[in-house]
Amino acid sequence: GTLFECLFFFEHVPINMSVDYGDLRWEHIDKRRLYTLMPMLSMLVRSTVYPFNLVKTRMQAAGGGLYRGTAHALVAIARREGPSALYKGFLANSFMMLNGPLYISLLEWGRSSCLRMLEREPWA
């Protein structure tokens, strides 16, 4: 299996065994890892990317004259308002992290329910 398979999702998959993704079910997913690692990794990515999203938004709002480019905007905002200004609105934006696990949970629960129903009552 891949590092992703071993660390993140699958409960009962030996490292040397590959997973048939066509038969992957909700029951195969290690929920403890899903609900701990997914938000942690999402927070890591968001905290890395957020200053660039903020700069993009500021550049769009300012029009064309205030900043010469992304690097200039990053430095100008950090100097003028302090480095913490690059994370204005980050906390409110971070609540969006709750959507990922909820979305995957509902999607996989629905998929598993439908598959179980189809296994009991196959189409004629």
PDB file of N, CA and C in Angstrom:
ATOM      1  N   GLY A   1       0.831  -1.185   0.000  1.00  0.00           N
ATOM      2  CA  GLY A   1       0.000   0.000   0.000  1.00  0.00           C
ATOM      3  C   GLY A   1       0.874   1.246   0.000  1.00  0.00           C
ATOM      4  N   THR A   2       0.247   2.348  -0.278  1.00  0.00           N
ATOM      5  CA  THR A   2       0.961   3.620  -0.292  1.00  0.00           C
ATOM      6  C   THR A   2       1.047   4.181   1.112  1.00  0.00           C
ATOM      7  N   LEU A   3       1.889   5.170   1.288  1.00  0.00           N
ATOM      8  CA  LEU A   3       2.011   5.841   2.577  1.00  0.00           C
ATOM      9  C   LEU A   3       0.663   6.431   2.975  1.00  0.00           C
ATOM     10  N   PHE A   4      -0.055   6.990   2.008  1.00  0.00           N
ATOM     11  CA  PHE A   4      -1.383   7.556   2.236  1.00  0.00           C
ATOM     12  C   PHE A   4      -2.323   6.500   2.818  1.00  0.00           C
ATOM     13  N   GLU A   5      -2.320   5.320   2.225  1.00  0.00           N
ATOM     14  CA  GLU A   5      -3.187   4.239   2.695  1.00  0.00           C
ATOM     15  C   GLU A   5      -2.831   3.839   4.115  1.00  0.00           C
ATOM     16  N   CYS A   6      -1.557   3.729   4.402  1.00  0.00           N
ATOM     17  CA  CYS A   6      -1.111   3.253   5.711  1.00  0.00           C
ATOM     18  C   CYS A   6      -1.360   4.277   6.810  1.00  0.00           C
ATOM     19  N   LEU A   7      -1.139   5.552   6.525  1.00  0.00           N
ATOM     20  CA  LEU A   7      -1.245   6.573   7.560  1.00  0.00           C
ATOM     21  C   LEU A   7      -2.656   7.106   7.746  1.00  0.00           C
ATOM     22  N   PHE A   8      -3.432   7.104   6.697  1.00  0.00           N
ATOM     23  CA  PHE A   8      -4.620   7.916   6.759  1.00  0.00           C
ATOM     24  C   PHE A   8      -5.920   7.152   6.881  1.00  0.00           C
ATOM     25  N   PHE A   9      -6.253   6.329   5.923  1.00  0.00           N
ATOM     26  CA  PHE A   9      -7.610   5.852   5.867  1.00  0.00           C
ATOM     27  C   PHE A   9      -7.858   4.439   6.369  1.00  0.00           C
ATOM     28  N   PHE A  10      -7.075   3.504   5.963  1.00  0.00           N
ATOM     29  CA  PHE A  10      -7.524   2.131   6.009  1.00  0.00           C
ATOM     30  C   PHE A  10      -7.133   1.416   7.292  1.00  0.00           C
ATOM     31  N   GLU A  11      -8.113   0.808   7.936  1.00  0.00           N
ATOM     32  CA  GLU A  11      -7.927   0.151   9.222  1.00  0.00           C
ATOM     33  C   GLU A  11      -7.200  -1.181   9.101  1.00  0.00           C
ATOM     34  N   HIS A  12      -7.714  -2.063   8.323  1.00  0.00           N
ATOM     35  CA  HIS A  12      -7.277  -3.455   8.331  1.00  0.00           C
ATOM     36  C   HIS A  12      -6.571  -3.835   7.034  1.00  0.00           C
ATOM     37  N   VAL A  13      -5.694  -2.977   6.562  1.00  0.00           N
ATOM     38  CA  VAL A  13      -4.965  -3.260   5.330  1.00  0.00           C
ATOM     39  C   VAL A  13      -3.492  -3.386   5.660  1.00  0.00           C
ATOM     40  N   PRO A  14      -2.917  -4.577   5.504  1.00  0.00           N
ATOM     41  CA  PRO A  14      -1.478  -4.709   5.731  1.00  0.00           C
ATOM     42  C   PRO A  14      -0.703  -3.826   4.760  1.00  0.00           C
ATOM     43  N   ILE A  15       0.487  -3.418   5.163  1.00  0.00           N
ATOM     44  CA  ILE A  15       1.283  -2.503   4.345  1.00  0.00           C
ATOM     45  C   ILE A  15       1.592  -3.089   2.973  1.00  0.00           C
ATOM     46  N   ASN A  16       1.803  -4.394   2.881  1.00  0.00           N
ATOM     47  CA  ASN A  16       2.176  -4.975   1.598  1.00  0.00           C
ATOM     48  C   ASN A  16       0.971  -5.364   0.743  1.00  0.00           C
ATOM     49  N   MET A  17      -0.251  -5.088   1.195  1.00  0.00           N
ATOM     50  CA  MET A  17      -1.446  -5.449   0.438  1.00  0.00           C
ATOM     51  C   MET A  17      -2.022  -4.203  -0.221  1.00  0.00           C
ATOM     52  N   SER A  18      -2.396  -4.311  -1.472  1.00  0.00           N
ATOM     53  CA  SER A  18      -2.981  -3.157  -2.141  1.00  0.00           C
ATOM     54  C   SER A  18      -4.489  -3.157  -1.919  1.00  0.00           C
ATOM     55  N   VAL A  19      -5.096  -1.989  -2.061  1.00  0.00           N
ATOM     56  CA  VAL A  19      -6.524  -1.827  -1.845  1.00  0.00           C
ATOM     57  C   VAL A  19      -7.214  -1.731  -3.191  1.00  0.00           C
ATOM     58  N   ASP A  20      -8.300  -2.468  -3.353  1.00  0.00           N
ATOM     59  CA  ASP A  20      -9.128  -2.348  -4.547  1.00  0.00           C
ATOM     60  C   ASP A  20     -10.081  -1.179  -4.314  1.00  0.00           C
ATOM     61  N   TYR A  21      -9.792  -0.042  -4.914  1.00  0.00           N
ATOM     62  CA  TYR A  21     -10.579   1.153  -4.651  1.00  0.00           C
ATOM     63  C   TYR A  21     -12.009   1.023  -5.138  1.00  0.00           C
ATOM     64  N   GLY A  22     -12.268   0.115  -6.067  1.00  0.00           N
ATOM     65  CA  GLY A  22     -13.635  -0.112  -6.527  1.00  0.00           C
ATOM     66  C   GLY A  22     -14.486  -0.760  -5.450  1.00  0.00           C
ATOM     67  N   ASP A  23     -13.867  -1.428  -4.491  1.00  0.00           N
ATOM     68  CA  ASP A  23     -14.601  -2.101  -3.431  1.00  0.00           C
ATOM     69  C   ASP A  23     -14.346  -1.448  -2.073  1.00  0.00           C
ATOM     70  N   LEU A  24     -13.879  -0.237  -2.060  1.00  0.00           N
ATOM     71  CA  LEU A  24     -13.615   0.471  -0.813  1.00  0.00           C
ATOM     72  C   LEU A  24     -14.944   0.875  -0.196  1.00  0.00           C
ATOM     73  N   ARG A  25     -15.123   0.537   1.060  1.00  0.00           N
ATOM     74  CA  ARG A  25     -16.382   0.824   1.749  1.00  0.00           C
ATOM     75  C   ARG A  25     -16.120   1.665   2.990  1.00  0.00           C
ATOM     76  N   TRP A  26     -17.183   2.288   3.488  1.00  0.00           N
ATOM     77  CA  TRP A  26     -17.114   3.105   4.689  1.00  0.00           C
ATOM     78  C   TRP A  26     -16.555   2.306   5.861  1.00  0.00           C
ATOM     79  N   GLU A  27     -16.870   1.032   5.897  1.00  0.00           N
ATOM     80  CA  GLU A  27     -16.409   0.167   6.980  1.00  0.00           C
ATOM     81  C   GLU A  27     -14.890  -0.006   6.967  1.00  0.00           C
ATOM     82  N   HIS A  28     -14.254   0.185   5.810  1.00  0.00           N
ATOM     83  CA  HIS A  28     -12.807   0.023   5.695  1.00  0.00           C
ATOM     84  C   HIS A  28     -12.027   1.233   6.212  1.00  0.00           C
ATOM     85  N   ILE A  29     -12.703   2.336   6.364  1.00  0.00           N
ATOM     86  CA  ILE A  29     -12.034   3.583   6.733  1.00  0.00           C
ATOM     87  C   ILE A  29     -11.864   3.666   8.245  1.00  0.00           C
ATOM     88  N   ASP A  30     -10.674   4.000   8.669  1.00  0.00           N
ATOM     89  CA  ASP A  30     -10.388   4.206  10.089  1.00  0.00           C
ATOM     90  C   ASP A  30     -10.872   5.614  10.446  1.00  0.00           C
ATOM     91  N   LYS A  31     -12.030   5.686  11.080  1.00  0.00           N
ATOM     92  CA  LYS A  31     -12.655   6.982  11.366  1.00  0.00           C
ATOM     93  C   LYS A  31     -11.831   7.819  12.333  1.00  0.00           C
ATOM     94  N   ARG A  32     -11.162   7.185  13.280  1.00  0.00           N
ATOM     95  CA  ARG A  32     -10.337   7.933  14.231  1.00  0.00           C
ATOM     96  C   ARG A  32      -9.265   8.717  13.485  1.00  0.00           C
ATOM     97  N   ARG A  33      -8.606   8.066  12.556  1.00  0.00           N
ATOM     98  CA  ARG A  33      -7.577   8.757  11.768  1.00  0.00           C
ATOM     99  C   ARG A  33      -8.196   9.797  10.852  1.00  0.00           C
ATOM    100  N   LEU A  34      -9.320   9.459  10.263  1.00  0.00           N
ATOM    101  CA  LEU A  34      -9.990  10.388   9.352  1.00  0.00           C
ATOM    102  C   LEU A  34     -10.339  11.692  10.057  1.00  0.00           C
ATOM    103  N   TYR A  35     -10.925  11.583  11.256  1.00  0.00           N
ATOM    104  CA  TYR A  35     -11.395  12.767  11.958  1.00  0.00           C
ATOM    105  C   TYR A  35     -10.298  13.499  12.724  1.00  0.00           C
ATOM    106  N   THR A  36      -9.120  12.916  12.842  1.00  0.00           N
ATOM    107  CA  THR A  36      -8.012  13.640  13.473  1.00  0.00           C
ATOM    108  C   THR A  36      -7.033  14.169  12.429  1.00  0.00           C
ATOM    109  N   LEU A  37      -6.624  13.319  11.517  1.00  0.00           N
ATOM    110  CA  LEU A  37      -5.619  13.752  10.540  1.00  0.00           C
ATOM    111  C   LEU A  37      -6.168  14.694   9.482  1.00  0.00           C
ATOM    112  N   MET A  38      -7.401  14.485   9.050  1.00  0.00           N
ATOM    113  CA  MET A  38      -7.957  15.349   8.008  1.00  0.00           C
ATOM    114  C   MET A  38      -7.996  16.815   8.445  1.00  0.00           C
ATOM    115  N   PRO A  39      -8.542  17.151   9.625  1.00  0.00           N
ATOM    116  CA  PRO A  39      -8.512  18.563  10.037  1.00  0.00           C
ATOM    117  C   PRO A  39      -7.097  19.086  10.289  1.00  0.00           C
ATOM    118  N   MET A  40      -6.213  18.244  10.841  1.00  0.00           N
ATOM    119  CA  MET A  40      -4.843  18.703  11.093  1.00  0.00           C
ATOM    120  C   MET A  40      -4.119  19.026   9.787  1.00  0.00           C
ATOM    121  N   LEU A  41      -4.229  18.142   8.812  1.00  0.00           N
ATOM    122  CA  LEU A  41      -3.562  18.386   7.537  1.00  0.00           C
ATOM    123  C   LEU A  41      -4.216  19.547   6.794  1.00  0.00           C
ATOM    124  N   SER A  42      -5.520  19.650   6.909  1.00  0.00           N
ATOM    125  CA  SER A  42      -6.217  20.767   6.284  1.00  0.00           C
ATOM    126  C   SER A  42      -5.779  22.092   6.910  1.00  0.00           C
ATOM    127  N   MET A  43      -5.613  22.120   8.227  1.00  0.00           N
ATOM    128  CA  MET A  43      -5.156  23.337   8.909  1.00  0.00           C
ATOM    129  C   MET A  43      -3.744  23.708   8.465  1.00  0.00           C
ATOM    130  N   LEU A  44      -2.895  22.708   8.304  1.00  0.00           N
ATOM    131  CA  LEU A  44      -1.532  22.954   7.845  1.00  0.00           C
ATOM    132  C   LEU A  44      -1.536  23.588   6.453  1.00  0.00           C
ATOM    133  N   VAL A  45      -2.315  23.032   5.555  1.00  0.00           N
ATOM    134  CA  VAL A  45      -2.379  23.570   4.193  1.00  0.00           C
ATOM    135  C   VAL A  45      -2.992  24.963   4.200  1.00  0.00           C
ATOM    136  N   ARG A  46      -4.094  25.124   4.914  1.00  0.00           N
ATOM    137  CA  ARG A  46      -4.757  26.436   4.955  1.00  0.00           C
ATOM    138  C   ARG A  46      -3.858  27.513   5.551  1.00  0.00           C
ATOM    139  N   SER A  47      -3.136  27.184   6.619  1.00  0.00           N
ATOM    140  CA  SER A  47      -2.275  28.193   7.244  1.00  0.00           C
ATOM    141  C   SER A  47      -1.104  28.569   6.348  1.00  0.00           C
ATOM    142  N   THR A  48      -0.704  27.673   5.472  1.00  0.00           N
ATOM    143  CA  THR A  48       0.372  27.972   4.530  1.00  0.00           C
ATOM    144  C   THR A  48      -0.127  28.825   3.364  1.00  0.00           C
ATOM    145  N   VAL A  49      -1.314  28.528   2.891  1.00  0.00           N
ATOM    146  CA  VAL A  49      -1.840  29.176   1.687  1.00  0.00           C
ATOM    147  C   VAL A  49      -2.592  30.474   2.002  1.00  0.00           C
ATOM    148  N   TYR A  50      -3.124  30.590   3.208  1.00  0.00           N
ATOM    149  CA  TYR A  50      -3.988  31.714   3.536  1.00  0.00           C
ATOM    150  C   TYR A  50      -3.375  33.090   3.261  1.00  0.00           C
ATOM    151  N   PRO A  51      -2.121  33.361   3.629  1.00  0.00           N
ATOM    152  CA  PRO A  51      -1.580  34.694   3.327  1.00  0.00           C
ATOM    153  C   PRO A  51      -1.628  35.034   1.827  1.00  0.00           C
ATOM    154  N   PHE A  52      -1.427  34.053   0.979  1.00  0.00           N
ATOM    155  CA  PHE A  52      -1.472  34.307  -0.461  1.00  0.00           C
ATOM    156  C   PHE A  52      -2.902  34.580  -0.929  1.00  0.00           C
ATOM    157  N   ASN A  53      -3.868  33.901  -0.340  1.00  0.00           N
ATOM    158  CA  ASN A  53      -5.269  34.185  -0.667  1.00  0.00           C
ATOM    159  C   ASN A  53      -5.655  35.582  -0.202  1.00  0.00           C
ATOM    160  N   LEU A  54      -5.197  35.964   0.985  1.00  0.00           N
ATOM    161  CA  LEU A  54      -5.471  37.301   1.489  1.00  0.00           C
ATOM    162  C   LEU A  54      -4.858  38.354   0.563  1.00  0.00           C
ATOM    163  N   VAL A  55      -3.621  38.125   0.145  1.00  0.00           N
ATOM    164  CA  VAL A  55      -2.952  39.072  -0.761  1.00  0.00           C
ATOM    165  C   VAL A  55      -3.697  39.165  -2.085  1.00  0.00           C
ATOM    166  N   LYS A  56      -4.129  38.024  -2.604  1.00  0.00           N
ATOM    167  CA  LYS A  56      -4.891  38.031  -3.868  1.00  0.00           C
ATOM    168  C   LYS A  56      -6.152  38.870  -3.719  1.00  0.00           C
ATOM    169  N   THR A  57      -6.860  38.677  -2.611  1.00  0.00           N
ATOM    170  CA  THR A  57      -8.092  39.433  -2.374  1.00  0.00           C
ATOM    171  C   THR A  57      -7.801  40.920  -2.231  1.00  0.00           C
ATOM    172  N   ARG A  58      -6.760  41.255  -1.494  1.00  0.00           N
ATOM    173  CA  ARG A  58      -6.395  42.669  -1.321  1.00  0.00           C
ATOM    174  C   ARG A  58      -5.997  43.301  -2.659  1.00  0.00           C
ATOM    175  N   MET A  59      -5.252  42.558  -3.471  1.00  0.00           N
ATOM    176  CA  MET A  59      -4.830  43.096  -4.775  1.00  0.00           C
ATOM    177  C   MET A  59      -6.039  43.323  -5.685  1.00  0.00           C
ATOM    178  N   GLN A  60      -6.989  42.401  -5.650  1.00  0.00           N
ATOM    179  CA  GLN A  60      -8.192  42.570  -6.465  1.00  0.00           C
ATOM    180  C   GLN A  60      -9.009  43.764  -5.993  1.00  0.00           C
ATOM    181  N   ALA A  61      -9.115  43.927  -4.671  1.00  0.00           N
ATOM    182  CA  ALA A  61      -9.899  45.038  -4.126  1.00  0.00           C
ATOM    183  C   ALA A  61      -9.225  46.383  -4.366  1.00  0.00           C
ATOM    184  N   ALA A  62      -7.894  46.402  -4.379  1.00  0.00           N
ATOM    185  CA  ALA A  62      -7.155  47.657  -4.533  1.00  0.00           C
ATOM    186  C   ALA A  62      -7.094  48.127  -5.983  1.00  0.00           C
ATOM    187  N   GLY A  63      -7.402  47.269  -6.899  1.00  0.00           N
ATOM    188  CA  GLY A  63      -7.255  47.637  -8.300  1.00  0.00           C
ATOM    189  C   GLY A  63      -5.819  47.415  -8.730  1.00  0.00           C
ATOM    190  N   GLY A  64      -5.317  48.224  -9.646  1.00  0.00           N
ATOM    191  CA  GLY A  64      -3.990  47.983 -10.182  1.00  0.00           C
ATOM    192  C   GLY A  64      -2.876  48.856  -9.654  1.00  0.00           C
ATOM    193  N   GLY A  65      -3.174  49.901  -8.882  1.00  0.00           N
ATOM    194  CA  GLY A  65      -2.141  50.862  -8.561  1.00  0.00           C
ATOM    195  C   GLY A  65      -1.402  50.688  -7.248  1.00  0.00           C
ATOM    196  N   LEU A  66      -1.972  49.998  -6.288  1.00  0.00           N
ATOM    197  CA  LEU A  66      -1.387  49.967  -4.957  1.00  0.00           C
ATOM    198  C   LEU A  66      -0.202  49.012  -4.837  1.00  0.00           C
ATOM    199  N   TYR A  67      -0.286  47.857  -5.471  1.00  0.00           N
ATOM    200  CA  TYR A  67       0.770  46.841  -5.365  1.00  0.00           C
ATOM    201  C   TYR A  67       1.347  46.527  -6.736  1.00  0.00           C
ATOM    202  N   ARG A  68       2.668  46.267  -6.751  1.00  0.00           N
ATOM    203  CA  ARG A  68       3.346  45.929  -8.006  1.00  0.00           C
ATOM    204  C   ARG A  68       3.308  44.437  -8.310  1.00  0.00           C
ATOM    205  N   GLY A  69       2.972  43.636  -7.333  1.00  0.00           N
ATOM    206  CA  GLY A  69       2.916  42.194  -7.509  1.00  0.00           C
ATOM    207  C   GLY A  69       2.668  41.509  -6.178  1.00  0.00           C
ATOM    208  N   THR A  70       2.659  40.188  -6.209  1.00  0.00           N
ATOM    209  CA  THR A  70       2.359  39.417  -5.008  1.00  0.00           C
ATOM    210  C   THR A  70       3.406  39.632  -3.919  1.00  0.00           C
ATOM    211  N   ALA A  71       4.667  39.539  -4.268  1.00  0.00           N
ATOM    212  CA  ALA A  71       5.736  39.702  -3.278  1.00  0.00           C
ATOM    213  C   ALA A  71       5.688  41.100  -2.671  1.00  0.00           C
ATOM    214  N   HIS A  72       5.487  42.114  -3.507  1.00  0.00           N
ATOM    215  CA  HIS A  72       5.396  43.487  -3.012  1.00  0.00           C
ATOM    216  C   HIS A  72       4.207  43.635  -2.072  1.00  0.00           C
ATOM    217  N   ALA A  73       3.079  43.035  -2.403  1.00  0.00           N
ATOM    218  CA  ALA A  73       1.887  43.115  -1.555  1.00  0.00           C
ATOM    219  C   ALA A  73       2.121  42.423  -0.214  1.00  0.00           C
ATOM    220  N   LEU A  74       2.753  41.235  -0.229  1.00  0.00           N
ATOM    221  CA  LEU A  74       3.061  40.531   1.021  1.00  0.00           C
ATOM    222  C   LEU A  74       3.909  41.399   1.949  1.00  0.00           C
ATOM    223  N   VAL A  75       4.965  41.963   1.410  1.00  0.00           N
ATOM    224  CA  VAL A  75       5.876  42.788   2.206  1.00  0.00           C
ATOM    225  C   VAL A  75       5.185  44.068   2.664  1.00  0.00           C
ATOM    226  N   ALA A  76       4.444  44.710   1.775  1.00  0.00           N
ATOM    227  CA  ALA A  76       3.775  45.973   2.110  1.00  0.00           C
ATOM    228  C   ALA A  76       2.741  45.778   3.222  1.00  0.00           C
ATOM    229  N   ILE A  77       1.953  44.732   3.133  1.00  0.00           N
ATOM    230  CA  ILE A  77       0.936  44.468   4.160  1.00  0.00           C
ATOM    231  C   ILE A  77       1.604  44.150   5.496  1.00  0.00           C
ATOM    232  N   ALA A  78       2.635  43.305   5.460  1.00  0.00           N
ATOM    233  CA  ALA A  78       3.334  42.932   6.690  1.00  0.00           C
ATOM    234  C   ALA A  78       4.005  44.145   7.338  1.00  0.00           C
ATOM    235  N   ARG A  79       4.581  45.053   6.538  1.00  0.00           N
ATOM    236  CA  ARG A  79       5.231  46.247   7.096  1.00  0.00           C
ATOM    237  C   ARG A  79       4.219  47.250   7.632  1.00  0.00           C
ATOM    238  N   ARG A  80       3.175  47.480   6.852  1.00  0.00           N
ATOM    239  CA  ARG A  80       2.203  48.501   7.210  1.00  0.00           C
ATOM    240  C   ARG A  80       1.316  48.081   8.383  1.00  0.00           C
ATOM    241  N   GLU A  81       0.853  46.815   8.373  1.00  0.00           N
ATOM    242  CA  GLU A  81      -0.122  46.376   9.374  1.00  0.00           C
ATOM    243  C   GLU A  81       0.433  45.339  10.342  1.00  0.00           C
ATOM    244  N   GLY A  82       1.646  44.894  10.094  1.00  0.00           N
ATOM    245  CA  GLY A  82       2.240  43.854  10.935  1.00  0.00           C
ATOM    246  C   GLY A  82       2.018  42.474  10.319  1.00  0.00           C
ATOM    247  N   PRO A  83       2.899  41.527  10.643  1.00  0.00           N
ATOM    248  CA  PRO A  83       2.796  40.188  10.050  1.00  0.00           C
ATOM    249  C   PRO A  83       1.469  39.490  10.349  1.00  0.00           C
ATOM    250  N   SER A  84       0.871  39.784  11.492  1.00  0.00           N
ATOM    251  CA  SER A  84      -0.403  39.127  11.822  1.00  0.00           C
ATOM    252  C   SER A  84      -1.530  39.541  10.871  1.00  0.00           C
ATOM    253  N   ALA A  85      -1.351  40.645  10.162  1.00  0.00           N
ATOM    254  CA  ALA A  85      -2.366  41.092   9.208  1.00  0.00           C
ATOM    255  C   ALA A  85      -2.535  40.100   8.065  1.00  0.00           C
ATOM    256  N   LEU A  86      -1.509  39.306   7.802  1.00  0.00           N
ATOM    257  CA  LEU A  86      -1.602  38.313   6.729  1.00  0.00           C
ATOM    258  C   LEU A  86      -2.569  37.180   7.092  1.00  0.00           C
ATOM    259  N   TYR A  87      -2.980  37.134   8.367  1.00  0.00           N
ATOM    260  CA  TYR A  87      -3.914  36.104   8.822  1.00  0.00           C
ATOM    261  C   TYR A  87      -5.242  36.688   9.300  1.00  0.00           C
ATOM    262  N   LYS A  88      -5.565  37.922   8.881  1.00  0.00           N
ATOM    263  CA  LYS A  88      -6.858  38.508   9.239  1.00  0.00           C
ATOM    264  C   LYS A  88      -7.971  37.661   8.609  1.00  0.00           C
ATOM    265  N   GLY A  89      -8.921  37.275   9.423  1.00  0.00           N
ATOM    266  CA  GLY A  89     -10.037  36.470   8.938  1.00  0.00           C
ATOM    267  C   GLY A  89      -9.760  34.976   8.890  1.00  0.00           C
ATOM    268  N   PHE A  90      -8.571  34.575   9.319  1.00  0.00           N
ATOM    269  CA  PHE A  90      -8.194  33.159   9.242  1.00  0.00           C
ATOM    270  C   PHE A  90      -9.068  32.276  10.125  1.00  0.00           C
ATOM    271  N   LEU A  91      -9.377  32.740  11.325  1.00  0.00           N
ATOM    272  CA  LEU A  91     -10.174  31.928  12.247  1.00  0.00           C
ATOM    273  C   LEU A  91     -11.565  31.657  11.676  1.00  0.00           C
ATOM    274  N   ALA A  92     -12.205  32.693  11.176  1.00  0.00           N
ATOM    275  CA  ALA A  92     -13.540  32.513  10.584  1.00  0.00           C
ATOM    276  C   ALA A  92     -13.463  31.590   9.367  1.00  0.00           C
ATOM    277  N   ASN A  93     -12.430  31.747   8.576  1.00  0.00           N
ATOM    278  CA  ASN A  93     -12.249  30.902   7.397  1.00  0.00           C
ATOM    279  C   ASN A  93     -11.960  29.455   7.782  1.00  0.00           C
ATOM    280  N   SER A  94     -11.339  29.247   8.937  1.00  0.00           N
ATOM    281  CA  SER A  94     -10.973  27.899   9.363  1.00  0.00           C
ATOM    282  C   SER A  94     -12.177  27.042   9.720  1.00  0.00           C
ATOM    283  N   PHE A  95     -13.298  27.652  10.028  1.00  0.00           N
ATOM    284  CA  PHE A  95     -14.486  26.856  10.320  1.00  0.00           C
ATOM    285  C   PHE A  95     -14.939  26.053   9.105  1.00  0.00           C
ATOM    286  N   MET A  96     -14.467  26.426   7.933  1.00  0.00           N
ATOM    287  CA  MET A  96     -14.789  25.666   6.721  1.00  0.00           C
ATOM    288  C   MET A  96     -14.162  24.275   6.754  1.00  0.00           C
ATOM    289  N   MET A  97     -13.173  24.065   7.627  1.00  0.00           N
ATOM    290  CA  MET A  97     -12.539  22.749   7.740  1.00  0.00           C
ATOM    291  C   MET A  97     -13.524  21.693   8.200  1.00  0.00           C
ATOM    292  N   LEU A  98     -14.551  22.094   8.914  1.00  0.00           N
ATOM    293  CA  LEU A  98     -15.541  21.141   9.403  1.00  0.00           C
ATOM    294  C   LEU A  98     -16.344  20.534   8.260  1.00  0.00           C
ATOM    295  N   ASN A  99     -16.399  21.232   7.146  1.00  0.00           N
ATOM    296  CA  ASN A  99     -17.162  20.726   6.007  1.00  0.00           C
ATOM    297  C   ASN A  99     -16.566  19.460   5.413  1.00  0.00           C
ATOM    298  N   GLY A 100     -15.239  19.344   5.376  1.00  0.00           N
ATOM    299  CA  GLY A 100     -14.586  18.200   4.735  1.00  0.00           C
ATOM    300  C   GLY A 100     -14.957  16.870   5.361  1.00  0.00           C
ATOM    301  N   PRO A 101     -14.707  16.685   6.662  1.00  0.00           N
ATOM    302  CA  PRO A 101     -15.085  15.413   7.280  1.00  0.00           C
ATOM    303  C   PRO A 101     -16.587  15.156   7.237  1.00  0.00           C
ATOM    304  N   LEU A 102     -17.389  16.203   7.407  1.00  0.00           N
ATOM    305  CA  LEU A 102     -18.838  16.028   7.353  1.00  0.00           C
ATOM    306  C   LEU A 102     -19.276  15.578   5.960  1.00  0.00           C
ATOM    307  N   TYR A 103     -18.736  16.227   4.934  1.00  0.00           N
ATOM    308  CA  TYR A 103     -19.061  15.883   3.556  1.00  0.00           C
ATOM    309  C   TYR A 103     -18.679  14.436   3.251  1.00  0.00           C
ATOM    310  N   ILE A 104     -17.460  14.055   3.590  1.00  0.00           N
ATOM    311  CA  ILE A 104     -17.002  12.695   3.309  1.00  0.00           C
ATOM    312  C   ILE A 104     -17.816  11.676   4.092  1.00  0.00           C
ATOM    313  N   SER A 105     -18.120  11.986   5.351  1.00  0.00           N
ATOM    314  CA  SER A 105     -18.912  11.069   6.169  1.00  0.00           C
ATOM    315  C   SER A 105     -20.288  10.823   5.562  1.00  0.00           C
ATOM    316  N   LEU A 106     -20.973  11.895   5.208  1.00  0.00           N
ATOM    317  CA  LEU A 106     -22.308  11.748   4.634  1.00  0.00           C
ATOM    318  C   LEU A 106     -22.268  11.052   3.278  1.00  0.00           C
ATOM    319  N   LEU A 107     -21.297  11.400   2.456  1.00  0.00           N
ATOM    320  CA  LEU A 107     -21.170  10.785   1.141  1.00  0.00           C
ATOM    321  C   LEU A 107     -20.912   9.281   1.265  1.00  0.00           C
ATOM    322  N   GLU A 108     -19.954   8.917   2.093  1.00  0.00           N
ATOM    323  CA  GLU A 108     -19.614   7.499   2.229  1.00  0.00           C
ATOM    324  C   GLU A 108     -20.685   6.711   2.962  1.00  0.00           C
ATOM    325  N   TRP A 109     -21.342   7.325   3.943  1.00  0.00           N
ATOM    326  CA  TRP A 109     -22.432   6.649   4.620  1.00  0.00           C
ATOM    327  C   TRP A 109     -23.568   6.372   3.631  1.00  0.00           C
ATOM    328  N   GLY A 110     -23.908   7.367   2.816  1.00  0.00           N
ATOM    329  CA  GLY A 110     -24.953   7.182   1.804  1.00  0.00           C
ATOM    330  C   GLY A 110     -24.570   6.141   0.767  1.00  0.00           C
ATOM    331  N   ARG A 111     -23.339   6.180   0.332  1.00  0.00           N
ATOM    332  CA  ARG A 111     -22.860   5.201  -0.652  1.00  0.00           C
ATOM    333  C   ARG A 111     -22.915   3.791  -0.085  1.00  0.00           C
ATOM    334  N   SER A 112     -22.448   3.613   1.153  1.00  0.00           N
ATOM    335  CA  SER A 112     -22.474   2.293   1.782  1.00  0.00           C
ATOM    336  C   SER A 112     -23.903   1.800   1.980  1.00  0.00           C
ATOM    337  N   SER A 113     -24.790   2.706   2.373  1.00  0.00           N
ATOM    338  CA  SER A 113     -26.191   2.323   2.564  1.00  0.00           C
ATOM    339  C   SER A 113     -26.810   1.861   1.255  1.00  0.00           C
ATOM    340  N   CYS A 114     -26.545   2.583   0.185  1.00  0.00           N
ATOM    341  CA  CYS A 114     -27.074   2.197  -1.127  1.00  0.00           C
ATOM    342  C   CYS A 114     -26.495   0.861  -1.582  1.00  0.00           C
ATOM    343  N   LEU A 115     -25.200   0.667  -1.381  1.00  0.00           N
ATOM    344  CA  LEU A 115     -24.583  -0.603  -1.781  1.00  0.00           C
ATOM    345  C   LEU A 115     -25.152  -1.772  -0.995  1.00  0.00           C
ATOM    346  N   ARG A 116     -25.360  -1.595   0.306  1.00  0.00           N
ATOM    347  CA  ARG A 116     -25.961  -2.666   1.112  1.00  0.00           C
ATOM    348  C   ARG A 116     -27.369  -2.978   0.641  1.00  0.00           C
ATOM    349  N   MET A 117     -28.127  -1.942   0.310  1.00  0.00           N
ATOM    350  CA  MET A 117     -29.482  -2.137  -0.175  1.00  0.00           C
ATOM    351  C   MET A 117     -29.481  -2.881  -1.505  1.00  0.00           C
ATOM    352  N   LEU A 118     -28.566  -2.520  -2.385  1.00  0.00           N
ATOM    353  CA  LEU A 118     -28.488  -3.187  -3.691  1.00  0.00           C
ATOM    354  C   LEU A 118     -28.023  -4.638  -3.552  1.00  0.00           C
ATOM    355  N   GLU A 119     -27.180  -4.914  -2.563  1.00  0.00           N
ATOM    356  CA  GLU A 119     -26.737  -6.291  -2.357  1.00  0.00           C
ATOM    357  C   GLU A 119     -27.873  -7.168  -1.851  1.00  0.00           C
ATOM    358  N   ARG A 120     -28.773  -6.586  -1.054  1.00  0.00           N
ATOM    359  CA  ARG A 120     -29.910  -7.351  -0.545  1.00  0.00           C
ATOM    360  C   ARG A 120     -30.989  -7.531  -1.604  1.00  0.00           C
ATOM    361  N   GLU A 121     -31.210  -6.491  -2.401  1.00  0.00           N
ATOM    362  CA  GLU A 121     -32.278  -6.517  -3.402  1.00  0.00           C
ATOM    363  C   GLU A 121     -31.698  -6.159  -4.764  1.00  0.00           C
ATOM    364  N   PRO A 122     -31.020  -7.109  -5.407  1.00  0.00           N
ATOM    365  CA  PRO A 122     -30.440  -6.804  -6.723  1.00  0.00           C
ATOM    366  C   PRO A 122     -31.514  -6.516  -7.759  1.00  0.00           C
ATOM    367  N   TRP A 123     -31.150  -5.653  -8.662  1.00  0.00           N
ATOM    368  CA  TRP A 123     -32.074  -5.290  -9.741  1.00  0.00           C
ATOM    369  C   TRP A 123     -32.251  -6.474 -10.664  1.00  0.00           C
ATOM    370  N   ALA A 124     -33.496  -6.682 -11.099  1.00  0.00           N
ATOM    371  CA  ALA A 124     -33.806  -7.817 -11.988  1.00  0.00           C
ATOM    372  C   ALA A 124     -33.519  -7.454 -13.424  1.00  0.00           C
TER     373      ALA A 124
END
